[in-house]
């Protein structure tokens, strides 16, 4: 079965204690391993200003996780756990392996088109004629 790579970013309320955020992260990591996945990276980005209001909040505590799995159901379970958590105000999951495949396909397509296109050769630069040196007249 094909291995999938996901980015998971979630935002907690700004007043959420650090221990509650640690519990959420631990729960997600445990759930991922139970469903045959692996959390490769977890980063706590800290409190940051939001681009727009979310549930009347202007700030939030950002957490990033990179998850690798061979099963698609793992993300459904992680999203379900984030949805029922009171501390989480927003989350987003992105499937990276599909995006990487799409980028590779575009690069391959561009290279194929470039190889079929005849290359334009630059016209030769015009040669400048050097005027003959002016003859000096002898002044007597």
C-alpha atoms as a PDB file:
ATOM      1  CA  UNK A   1       0.000   0.000   0.000  1.00  0.00           C
ATOM      2  CA  UNK A   2       1.155   3.530  -0.783  1.00  0.00           C
ATOM      3  CA  UNK A   3       2.646   5.628   2.000  1.00  0.00           C
ATOM      4  CA  UNK A   4       1.073   9.027   2.515  1.00  0.00           C
ATOM      5  CA  UNK A   5       2.507  12.151   4.071  1.00  0.00           C
ATOM      6  CA  UNK A   6       0.338  14.747   5.809  1.00  0.00           C
ATOM      7  CA  UNK A   7       0.900  18.129   7.404  1.00  0.00           C
ATOM      8  CA  UNK A   8      -1.409  18.882  10.303  1.00  0.00           C
ATOM      9  CA  UNK A   9      -1.599  22.371  11.780  1.00  0.00           C
ATOM     10  CA  UNK A  10      -3.934  23.266  14.607  1.00  0.00           C
ATOM     11  CA  UNK A  11      -4.534  26.388  16.652  1.00  0.00           C
ATOM     12  CA  UNK A  12      -5.450  26.375  20.315  1.00  0.00           C
ATOM     13  CA  UNK A  13      -7.079  29.158  22.278  1.00  0.00           C
ATOM     14  CA  UNK A  14      -4.457  31.661  23.497  1.00  0.00           C
ATOM     15  CA  UNK A  15      -5.290  31.056  27.173  1.00  0.00           C
ATOM     16  CA  UNK A  16      -4.792  27.290  26.904  1.00  0.00           C
ATOM     17  CA  UNK A  17      -2.261  26.056  29.493  1.00  0.00           C
ATOM     18  CA  UNK A  18       0.883  24.410  28.134  1.00  0.00           C
ATOM     19  CA  UNK A  19       0.014  21.120  29.847  1.00  0.00           C
ATOM     20  CA  UNK A  20      -3.325  20.953  27.981  1.00  0.00           C
ATOM     21  CA  UNK A  21      -1.546  21.503  24.662  1.00  0.00           C
ATOM     22  CA  UNK A  22       0.916  18.754  25.583  1.00  0.00           C
ATOM     23  CA  UNK A  23      -2.036  16.430  26.305  1.00  0.00           C
ATOM     24  CA  UNK A  24      -3.571  17.152  22.913  1.00  0.00           C
ATOM     25  CA  UNK A  25      -0.254  16.468  21.155  1.00  0.00           C
ATOM     26  CA  UNK A  26       0.265  13.246  23.142  1.00  0.00           C
ATOM     27  CA  UNK A  27      -3.269  12.094  22.320  1.00  0.00           C
ATOM     28  CA  UNK A  28      -2.744  12.725  18.621  1.00  0.00           C
ATOM     29  CA  UNK A  29       0.623  10.942  18.618  1.00  0.00           C
ATOM     30  CA  UNK A  30      -0.876   7.944  20.433  1.00  0.00           C
ATOM     31  CA  UNK A  31      -3.851   7.838  18.084  1.00  0.00           C
ATOM     32  CA  UNK A  32      -1.561   8.002  15.052  1.00  0.00           C
ATOM     33  CA  UNK A  33       0.557   5.063  16.237  1.00  0.00           C
ATOM     34  CA  UNK A  34      -2.548   3.032  17.119  1.00  0.00           C
ATOM     35  CA  UNK A  35      -3.796   3.439  13.553  1.00  0.00           C
ATOM     36  CA  UNK A  36      -0.495   2.421  11.981  1.00  0.00           C
ATOM     37  CA  UNK A  37       0.913   5.873  11.394  1.00  0.00           C
ATOM     38  CA  UNK A  38       3.923   7.733  12.642  1.00  0.00           C
ATOM     39  CA  UNK A  39       4.312  11.337  13.759  1.00  0.00           C
ATOM     40  CA  UNK A  40       7.647  12.326  12.277  1.00  0.00           C
ATOM     41  CA  UNK A  41       7.828  15.845  13.617  1.00  0.00           C
ATOM     42  CA  UNK A  42       6.014  18.023  16.126  1.00  0.00           C
ATOM     43  CA  UNK A  43       6.723  21.721  16.458  1.00  0.00           C
ATOM     44  CA  UNK A  44       5.119  24.147  18.849  1.00  0.00           C
ATOM     45  CA  UNK A  45       5.198  27.511  17.112  1.00  0.00           C
ATOM     46  CA  UNK A  46       3.823  29.366  20.100  1.00  0.00           C
ATOM     47  CA  UNK A  47       1.297  32.176  20.361  1.00  0.00           C
ATOM     48  CA  UNK A  48       0.878  34.176  17.166  1.00  0.00           C
ATOM     49  CA  UNK A  49      -1.520  36.700  15.776  1.00  0.00           C
ATOM     50  CA  UNK A  50      -4.209  35.266  13.498  1.00  0.00           C
ATOM     51  CA  UNK A  51      -4.803  36.626  10.009  1.00  0.00           C
ATOM     52  CA  UNK A  52      -8.521  36.919  10.815  1.00  0.00           C
ATOM     53  CA  UNK A  53     -10.760  36.386  13.840  1.00  0.00           C
ATOM     54  CA  UNK A  54     -11.556  32.808  14.731  1.00  0.00           C
ATOM     55  CA  UNK A  55     -14.320  32.423  17.322  1.00  0.00           C
ATOM     56  CA  UNK A  56     -13.669  36.010  18.493  1.00  0.00           C
ATOM     57  CA  UNK A  57      -9.967  35.294  19.004  1.00  0.00           C
ATOM     58  CA  UNK A  58      -7.207  37.449  17.518  1.00  0.00           C
ATOM     59  CA  UNK A  59      -4.359  35.157  18.697  1.00  0.00           C
ATOM     60  CA  UNK A  60      -3.790  31.459  18.966  1.00  0.00           C
ATOM     61  CA  UNK A  61      -1.184  28.899  19.950  1.00  0.00           C
ATOM     62  CA  UNK A  62       0.037  27.134  16.776  1.00  0.00           C
ATOM     63  CA  UNK A  63       1.165  23.497  16.642  1.00  0.00           C
ATOM     64  CA  UNK A  64       2.540  21.740  13.550  1.00  0.00           C
ATOM     65  CA  UNK A  65       2.769  17.959  13.058  1.00  0.00           C
ATOM     66  CA  UNK A  66       4.096  15.868  10.155  1.00  0.00           C
ATOM     67  CA  UNK A  67       2.343  12.487   9.957  1.00  0.00           C
ATOM     68  CA  UNK A  68       3.248   9.513   7.750  1.00  0.00           C
ATOM     69  CA  UNK A  69       0.828   6.644   7.186  1.00  0.00           C
ATOM     70  CA  UNK A  70      -0.260   3.947   4.748  1.00  0.00           C
ATOM     71  CA  UNK A  71      -3.925   4.331   5.729  1.00  0.00           C
ATOM     72  CA  UNK A  72      -6.147   7.292   4.945  1.00  0.00           C
ATOM     73  CA  UNK A  73      -8.402   6.715   7.957  1.00  0.00           C
ATOM     74  CA  UNK A  74      -5.729   7.996  10.306  1.00  0.00           C
ATOM     75  CA  UNK A  75      -6.378  11.615   9.329  1.00  0.00           C
ATOM     76  CA  UNK A  76     -10.120  11.196   9.841  1.00  0.00           C
ATOM     77  CA  UNK A  77      -9.422  10.003  13.365  1.00  0.00           C
ATOM     78  CA  UNK A  78      -6.976  12.830  14.113  1.00  0.00           C
ATOM     79  CA  UNK A  79      -9.441  15.409  12.766  1.00  0.00           C
ATOM     80  CA  UNK A  80     -12.220  13.875  14.876  1.00  0.00           C
ATOM     81  CA  UNK A  81     -10.085  14.226  17.990  1.00  0.00           C
ATOM     82  CA  UNK A  82      -9.243  17.844  17.145  1.00  0.00           C
ATOM     83  CA  UNK A  83     -12.906  18.628  16.474  1.00  0.00           C
ATOM     84  CA  UNK A  84     -14.047  17.456  19.921  1.00  0.00           C
ATOM     85  CA  UNK A  85     -11.240  19.229  21.777  1.00  0.00           C
ATOM     86  CA  UNK A  86     -12.431  22.436  23.472  1.00  0.00           C
ATOM     87  CA  UNK A  87      -8.984  24.015  23.313  1.00  0.00           C
ATOM     88  CA  UNK A  88      -8.660  23.734  19.505  1.00  0.00           C
ATOM     89  CA  UNK A  89     -10.269  26.579  17.567  1.00  0.00           C
ATOM     90  CA  UNK A  90      -9.038  25.722  14.058  1.00  0.00           C
ATOM     91  CA  UNK A  91      -7.144  22.948  12.258  1.00  0.00           C
ATOM     92  CA  UNK A  92      -5.993  22.145   8.740  1.00  0.00           C
ATOM     93  CA  UNK A  93      -4.635  18.966   7.188  1.00  0.00           C
ATOM     94  CA  UNK A  94      -2.762  18.847   3.909  1.00  0.00           C
ATOM     95  CA  UNK A  95      -1.826  15.712   2.015  1.00  0.00           C
ATOM     96  CA  UNK A  96       1.700  16.404   0.813  1.00  0.00           C
ATOM     97  CA  UNK A  97       2.430  13.341  -1.293  1.00  0.00           C
ATOM     98  CA  UNK A  98      -0.324  14.290  -3.764  1.00  0.00           C
ATOM     99  CA  UNK A  99       1.041  17.837  -3.991  1.00  0.00           C
ATOM    100  CA  UNK A 100       4.591  16.535  -4.560  1.00  0.00           C
ATOM    101  CA  UNK A 101       3.358  14.203  -7.311  1.00  0.00           C
ATOM    102  CA  UNK A 102       1.516  17.088  -8.965  1.00  0.00           C
ATOM    103  CA  UNK A 103       4.651  19.265  -8.873  1.00  0.00           C
ATOM    104  CA  UNK A 104       6.794  16.477 -10.337  1.00  0.00           C
ATOM    105  CA  UNK A 105       4.230  15.958 -13.095  1.00  0.00           C
ATOM    106  CA  UNK A 106       4.302  19.674 -13.964  1.00  0.00           C
ATOM    107  CA  UNK A 107       8.115  19.709 -14.074  1.00  0.00           C
ATOM    108  CA  UNK A 108       8.139  16.625 -16.321  1.00  0.00           C
ATOM    109  CA  UNK A 109       5.531  18.212 -18.617  1.00  0.00           C
ATOM    110  CA  UNK A 110       7.525  21.449 -18.908  1.00  0.00           C
ATOM    111  CA  UNK A 111      10.730  19.553 -19.676  1.00  0.00           C
ATOM    112  CA  UNK A 112       8.950  17.532 -22.381  1.00  0.00           C
ATOM    113  CA  UNK A 113       7.543  20.664 -23.995  1.00  0.00           C
ATOM    114  CA  UNK A 114      10.931  22.374 -23.844  1.00  0.00           C
ATOM    115  CA  UNK A 115      12.631  19.401 -25.545  1.00  0.00           C
ATOM    116  CA  UNK A 116      10.117  19.467 -28.442  1.00  0.00           C
ATOM    117  CA  UNK A 117      10.443  23.192 -29.001  1.00  0.00           C
ATOM    118  CA  UNK A 118      13.175  24.215 -31.444  1.00  0.00           C
ATOM    119  CA  UNK A 119      15.716  26.354 -29.773  1.00  0.00           C
ATOM    120  CA  UNK A 120      16.105  29.818 -31.128  1.00  0.00           C
ATOM    121  CA  UNK A 121      19.640  30.751 -31.826  1.00  0.00           C
ATOM    122  CA  UNK A 122      20.640  34.283 -31.168  1.00  0.00           C
ATOM    123  CA  UNK A 123      21.543  36.181 -34.355  1.00  0.00           C
ATOM    124  CA  UNK A 124      25.247  36.781 -34.698  1.00  0.00           C
ATOM    125  CA  UNK A 125      26.348  40.070 -33.263  1.00  0.00           C
ATOM    126  CA  UNK A 126      27.125  42.637 -35.974  1.00  0.00           C
ATOM    127  CA  UNK A 127      30.796  43.230 -36.361  1.00  0.00           C
ATOM    128  CA  UNK A 128      31.790  46.791 -35.857  1.00  0.00           C
ATOM    129  CA  UNK A 129      34.116  48.198 -38.397  1.00  0.00           C
ATOM    130  CA  UNK A 130      37.028  50.006 -36.952  1.00  0.00           C
ATOM    131  CA  UNK A 131      37.712  53.219 -38.854  1.00  0.00           C
ATOM    132  CA  UNK A 132      41.248  53.459 -40.221  1.00  0.00           C
ATOM    133  CA  UNK A 133      43.517  55.647 -38.155  1.00  0.00           C
ATOM    134  CA  UNK A 134      43.475  59.229 -39.256  1.00  0.00           C
ATOM    135  CA  UNK A 135      46.617  60.187 -41.124  1.00  0.00           C
ATOM    136  CA  UNK A 136      48.586  62.782 -39.423  1.00  0.00           C
ATOM    137  CA  UNK A 137      49.713  65.626 -41.591  1.00  0.00           C
ATOM    138  CA  UNK A 138      53.140  66.940 -40.998  1.00  0.00           C
ATOM    139  CA  UNK A 139      53.033  70.555 -40.046  1.00  0.00           C
ATOM    140  CA  UNK A 140      56.065  72.436 -41.148  1.00  0.00           C
END
